[in-house]
Protein backbone atom coordinates (compact mmCIF):
# COMPACT_ATOMS: atom_id res chain seq x y z
CA MET A 1 -25.35 109.10 82.34
CA THR A 2 -28.23 111.34 81.43
CA ASN A 3 -28.81 114.50 79.49
CA SER A 4 -31.71 116.65 79.95
CA GLY A 5 -33.20 119.84 78.67
CA PRO A 6 -34.12 120.91 75.46
CA ASP A 7 -31.53 119.33 73.47
CA SER A 8 -31.99 116.12 75.21
CA GLY A 9 -34.33 114.76 72.55
CA VAL A 10 -33.97 113.20 68.60
CA GLN A 11 -35.38 115.08 66.62
CA LYS A 12 -36.58 113.77 62.78
CA PRO A 13 -33.35 112.79 60.14
CA ARG A 14 -34.17 112.86 56.79
CA GLY A 15 -36.13 110.68 55.26
CA SER A 16 -35.32 107.12 53.22
CA GLN A 17 -35.29 108.76 49.89
CA PHE A 18 -31.73 110.40 50.75
CA PHE A 19 -30.23 107.19 51.19
CA LEU A 20 -31.76 105.31 48.53
CA ALA A 21 -30.68 108.32 45.98
CA ASN A 22 -27.06 107.77 47.34
CA THR A 23 -26.90 103.85 46.93
CA GLN A 24 -27.44 104.53 43.43
CA ALA A 25 -25.60 107.45 42.55
CA VAL A 26 -22.61 104.77 44.47
CA ALA A 27 -23.78 101.98 42.35
CA ARG A 28 -23.40 104.32 39.07
CA ALA A 29 -19.89 105.48 39.51
CA PHE A 30 -18.86 101.69 40.20
CA ASP A 31 -20.54 100.79 37.03
CA GLY A 32 -18.29 98.51 35.20
CA CYS A 33 -15.41 99.32 37.29
CA GLY A 34 -13.51 96.74 39.15
CA GLU A 35 -14.84 93.81 40.87
CA VAL A 36 -18.77 92.94 42.72
CA VAL A 37 -18.10 90.38 45.07
CA THR A 38 -20.94 88.51 46.31
CA LEU A 39 -20.51 86.85 50.12
CA ARG A 40 -22.52 84.76 51.59
CA PRO A 41 -23.55 85.12 55.70
CA GLN A 42 -20.17 85.38 57.53
CA GLN A 43 -18.11 85.28 54.75
CA ARG A 44 -15.12 87.98 54.09
CA LEU A 45 -13.60 89.70 51.56
CA PRO A 46 -10.91 88.14 49.89
CA ARG A 47 -7.60 89.37 51.27
CA ALA A 48 -6.15 89.24 48.36
CA THR A 49 -9.28 92.08 47.07
CA ILE A 50 -8.33 93.86 50.25
CA GLN A 51 -4.71 94.01 49.71
CA ASN A 52 -5.16 95.82 46.13
CA GLY A 53 -6.44 98.74 48.13
CA GLY A 54 -8.77 100.92 46.12
CA LEU A 55 -12.66 101.88 46.95
CA PHE A 56 -15.43 99.56 48.28
CA ALA A 57 -18.69 100.49 48.36
CA ILE A 58 -21.84 98.09 49.47
CA ARG A 59 -24.47 97.32 47.07
CA GLU A 60 -26.63 95.30 49.20
CA GLY A 61 -26.49 94.03 52.88
CA LEU A 62 -25.26 94.58 55.94
CA LEU A 63 -21.49 94.08 57.11
CA ALA A 64 -18.84 94.23 59.39
CA LEU A 65 -15.66 95.68 59.59
CA ASP A 66 -13.45 94.00 62.15
CA VAL A 67 -9.77 93.61 63.20
CA ILE A 68 -8.45 91.43 65.83
CA PRO A 69 -4.80 93.24 67.55
CA PRO A 70 -2.23 90.42 68.13
CA GLY A 71 -3.29 88.80 70.97
CA GLY A 72 -6.52 90.25 71.41
CA HIS A 73 -9.73 90.52 71.21
CA ARG A 74 -12.16 90.97 68.42
CA GLN A 75 -13.36 94.86 67.58
CA ILE A 76 -15.56 96.12 65.01
CA LEU A 77 -15.32 99.43 63.84
CA ASP A 78 -17.97 99.95 62.29
CA PHE A 79 -20.90 97.82 60.40
CA LEU A 80 -21.74 99.04 56.46
CA MET A 81 -24.63 99.31 54.58
CA PRO A 82 -26.09 99.92 51.18
CA GLY A 83 -24.66 103.36 50.18
CA ASP A 84 -21.36 103.65 51.41
CA VAL A 85 -18.32 103.91 50.57
CA VAL A 86 -14.93 103.09 52.09
CA PRO A 87 -11.05 103.31 51.40
CA ALA A 88 -9.54 99.98 51.67
CA PRO A 89 -7.83 100.70 55.10
CA GLY A 90 -5.60 97.30 54.79
CA PHE A 91 -2.58 99.24 55.06
CA VAL A 92 -3.59 99.59 58.75
CA PHE A 93 -3.97 96.43 59.72
CA PRO A 94 -2.57 94.25 57.22
CA GLN A 95 -2.91 90.59 58.71
CA SER A 96 -5.97 91.41 61.26
CA PHE A 97 -8.79 93.61 59.19
CA SER A 98 -11.30 92.60 56.87
CA ILE A 99 -14.50 93.02 56.42
CA ARG A 100 -17.27 90.79 57.13
CA ALA A 101 -20.74 89.59 55.66
CA ILE A 102 -23.66 89.34 58.31
CA THR A 103 -26.00 89.43 55.37
CA PRO A 104 -25.84 88.46 52.14
CA SER A 105 -24.88 91.40 50.67
CA ILE A 106 -22.81 92.56 47.28
CA VAL A 107 -19.48 94.46 47.30
CA MET A 108 -18.48 96.67 44.89
CA CYS A 109 -14.41 96.60 44.58
CA ARG A 110 -12.67 99.47 42.40
CA PRO A 111 -8.58 98.55 42.59
CA GLY A 112 -6.13 101.28 42.32
CA ASN A 113 -3.51 103.21 44.50
CA GLY A 114 -4.69 106.59 46.34
CA ALA A 115 -5.98 109.12 43.64
CA SER A 116 -6.27 106.08 40.79
CA ALA A 117 -9.15 104.31 42.55
CA TRP A 118 -11.15 107.67 42.70
CA PRO A 119 -13.64 108.32 39.94
CA THR A 120 -13.40 110.73 36.92
CA GLY A 121 -16.24 113.60 37.47
CA GLU A 122 -16.94 116.13 39.78
CA VAL A 123 -20.29 114.39 40.47
CA HIS A 124 -18.79 111.45 41.31
CA ILE A 125 -16.00 113.20 43.12
CA ASP A 126 -17.87 115.49 45.72
CA LEU A 127 -20.42 112.01 46.18
CA PHE A 128 -17.51 109.71 47.41
CA LEU A 129 -15.85 112.32 49.66
CA ALA A 130 -19.13 112.97 50.90
CA GLN A 131 -19.23 109.19 52.12
CA CYS A 132 -16.03 108.71 53.10
CA TYR A 133 -16.42 111.97 55.78
CA SER A 134 -19.63 110.07 57.04
CA GLN A 135 -17.64 107.06 57.38
CA LEU A 136 -14.53 108.99 59.65
CA ALA A 137 -17.21 111.18 60.90
CA ARG A 138 -18.76 107.51 62.18
CA ARG A 139 -15.31 106.10 63.19
CA ASN A 140 -14.88 109.25 65.34
CA ILE A 141 -18.62 108.85 67.06
CA HIS A 142 -17.41 105.04 67.76
CA GLN A 143 -14.69 106.23 69.45
CA ILE A 144 -16.38 108.93 71.80
CA MET A 145 -18.96 106.39 72.72
CA ILE A 146 -15.99 103.42 73.68
CA GLY A 147 -13.55 105.88 75.51
CA GLN A 148 -15.72 108.52 76.84
CA LEU A 149 -19.65 106.86 77.79
CA ASP A 150 -21.01 104.09 80.52
CA THR A 151 -22.58 101.42 79.25
CA GLU A 152 -26.23 102.66 79.56
CA SER A 153 -25.33 105.23 77.20
CA ARG A 154 -23.44 103.66 74.51
CA VAL A 155 -26.17 101.53 73.66
CA ALA A 156 -28.62 103.78 73.77
CA SER A 157 -26.33 105.79 70.99
CA PHE A 158 -26.04 102.68 69.36
CA LEU A 159 -29.88 101.95 68.95
CA LEU A 160 -30.32 105.35 68.45
CA SER A 161 -28.13 105.66 65.72
CA LEU A 162 -28.31 102.57 63.56
CA ALA A 163 -32.64 104.05 63.53
CA MET A 164 -31.19 107.29 61.84
CA ARG A 165 -28.40 105.54 59.68
CA ARG A 166 -31.79 103.10 58.66
CA GLY A 167 -32.90 106.35 56.61
CA GLU A 168 -36.41 106.62 58.17
CA SER A 169 -38.22 109.24 60.09
CA LEU A 170 -38.03 108.88 63.50
CA GLY A 171 -41.17 109.17 65.36
CA ALA A 172 -42.42 109.02 68.48
CA THR A 173 -41.74 104.90 67.86
CA HIS A 174 -39.41 103.36 65.46
CA MET A 175 -38.93 99.14 64.62
CA LEU A 176 -35.74 98.58 64.42
CA GLU A 177 -33.93 95.65 62.21
CA LEU A 178 -30.83 94.46 64.44
CA PRO A 179 -29.47 91.94 61.53
CA MET A 180 -26.14 91.49 63.60
CA SER A 181 -25.70 88.92 66.28
CA ARG A 182 -25.82 90.30 70.03
CA ASP A 183 -21.89 89.30 69.61
CA ASP A 184 -21.34 91.58 67.12
CA ILE A 185 -23.50 94.82 69.27
CA ALA A 186 -20.76 93.85 72.17
CA ASP A 187 -18.00 93.22 69.96
CA TYR A 188 -18.68 96.92 68.66
CA LEU A 189 -19.62 98.60 72.11
CA ALA A 190 -16.75 96.80 73.84
CA ILE A 191 -18.88 95.16 76.20
CA ASN A 192 -19.41 91.80 76.79
CA HIS A 193 -22.18 89.72 75.78
CA ASP A 194 -24.06 89.64 79.26
CA THR A 195 -23.56 93.06 80.38
CA LEU A 196 -25.50 94.41 76.50
CA SER A 197 -28.49 91.36 77.64
CA ARG A 198 -28.61 93.39 81.05
CA MET A 199 -28.75 96.21 79.76
CA MET A 200 -31.26 95.92 77.08
CA MET A 201 -33.46 94.01 79.69
CA ARG A 202 -33.48 97.68 81.90
CA PHE A 203 -34.32 99.76 78.83
CA GLU A 204 -37.32 96.98 78.33
CA THR A 205 -38.19 97.05 82.06
CA LEU A 206 -38.35 101.22 81.56
CA GLY A 207 -40.25 101.01 78.95
CA LEU A 208 -37.83 102.96 76.22
CA VAL A 209 -37.63 99.07 73.75
CA ARG A 210 -39.91 95.91 73.52
CA ARG A 211 -38.17 92.84 71.96
CA ILE A 212 -40.03 91.52 69.21
CA ASN A 213 -37.48 88.72 68.28
CA ARG A 214 -33.69 87.97 67.78
CA HIS A 215 -33.41 90.36 65.14
CA ALA A 216 -35.76 92.76 65.97
CA VAL A 217 -36.40 95.21 68.35
CA HIS A 218 -39.26 98.38 68.90
CA LEU A 219 -38.21 101.69 70.40
CA THR A 220 -41.14 102.34 72.51
CA ASP A 221 -39.97 105.74 73.37
CA ILE A 222 -37.40 107.60 71.06
CA GLU A 223 -37.17 110.85 73.20
CA GLY A 224 -36.65 108.81 76.47
CA LEU A 225 -34.25 106.53 74.76
CA GLY A 226 -32.52 109.70 73.57
CA ARG A 227 -32.40 111.40 77.66
CA HIS A 228 -30.19 108.33 77.84
CA THR A 229 -27.18 109.20 76.11
CA PRO A 230 -24.98 112.63 76.40
CA ILE A 231 -24.28 112.84 72.21
CA GLY A 232 -27.79 112.66 71.15
CA PRO A 233 -27.35 116.10 69.39
CA LEU A 234 -23.99 114.68 67.85
CA LEU A 235 -25.81 111.50 66.90
CA LEU A 236 -28.44 113.17 64.72
CA ALA A 237 -25.84 115.98 62.60
CA VAL A 238 -23.76 112.86 62.03
CA PHE A 239 -26.16 109.91 60.95
CA ALA A 240 -29.62 111.99 60.22
CA ARG A 241 -27.47 113.66 57.57
CA PRO A 242 -26.66 111.60 54.69
CA ALA A 243 -24.17 112.54 51.95
CA CYS A 244 -26.17 114.19 49.10
CA ALA A 245 -26.35 112.56 46.07
CA PRO A 246 -25.59 114.49 42.86
CA THR A 247 -27.55 113.94 40.06
CA PRO A 248 -25.60 113.57 37.34
CA SER A 249 -25.85 116.11 34.07
């Protein structure tokens, strides 16, 4: 599935300084509150911490929100990066939900139920609301990707959205780190590993990407890759507009 016309290309998102500011602002909001958990790769946030409710913020690393429905296959709902804030959704999947580190990670946990978990002060509340809305928007985009798009469009959308979330301006080309495994990506896109590999090889044949190693790929034609997804403008609207980090007064 391809998209043509003036809106089919991918414009430049805001720079990484906005993402850095968000990460620092979130860390200040969590400072001295709750628990700081350090995780090794593939280690999961303790279930007792999740069941305590509250809010979680990512200070360092890359993590996955996993869920395994009873009798079903693992589904990755989201990849979490520094500055992301998510409410504890353990009540939705009390037994099968988990937060798993993909790289060495640090998670800040602010316990509480409902409003009690939120920080005081208008500046922090506005920031947390913006971050939670951002996560909700990502979740909706994910549902569109796996529910409405074909495999080619899913993979193209994933590569572009991940590049945008890194906070770096996209030019004609872009070097993209992929810390997650191919199995992680396949589970996020609801396709199998072999299908993902074939699609990446197809993109490489088309001159859209060039594989560097297991955890890095060079997006050699950003505009061309954007024409392989019908939701390019939607990706830009969601992923290229990080929540603005306000300055505390």
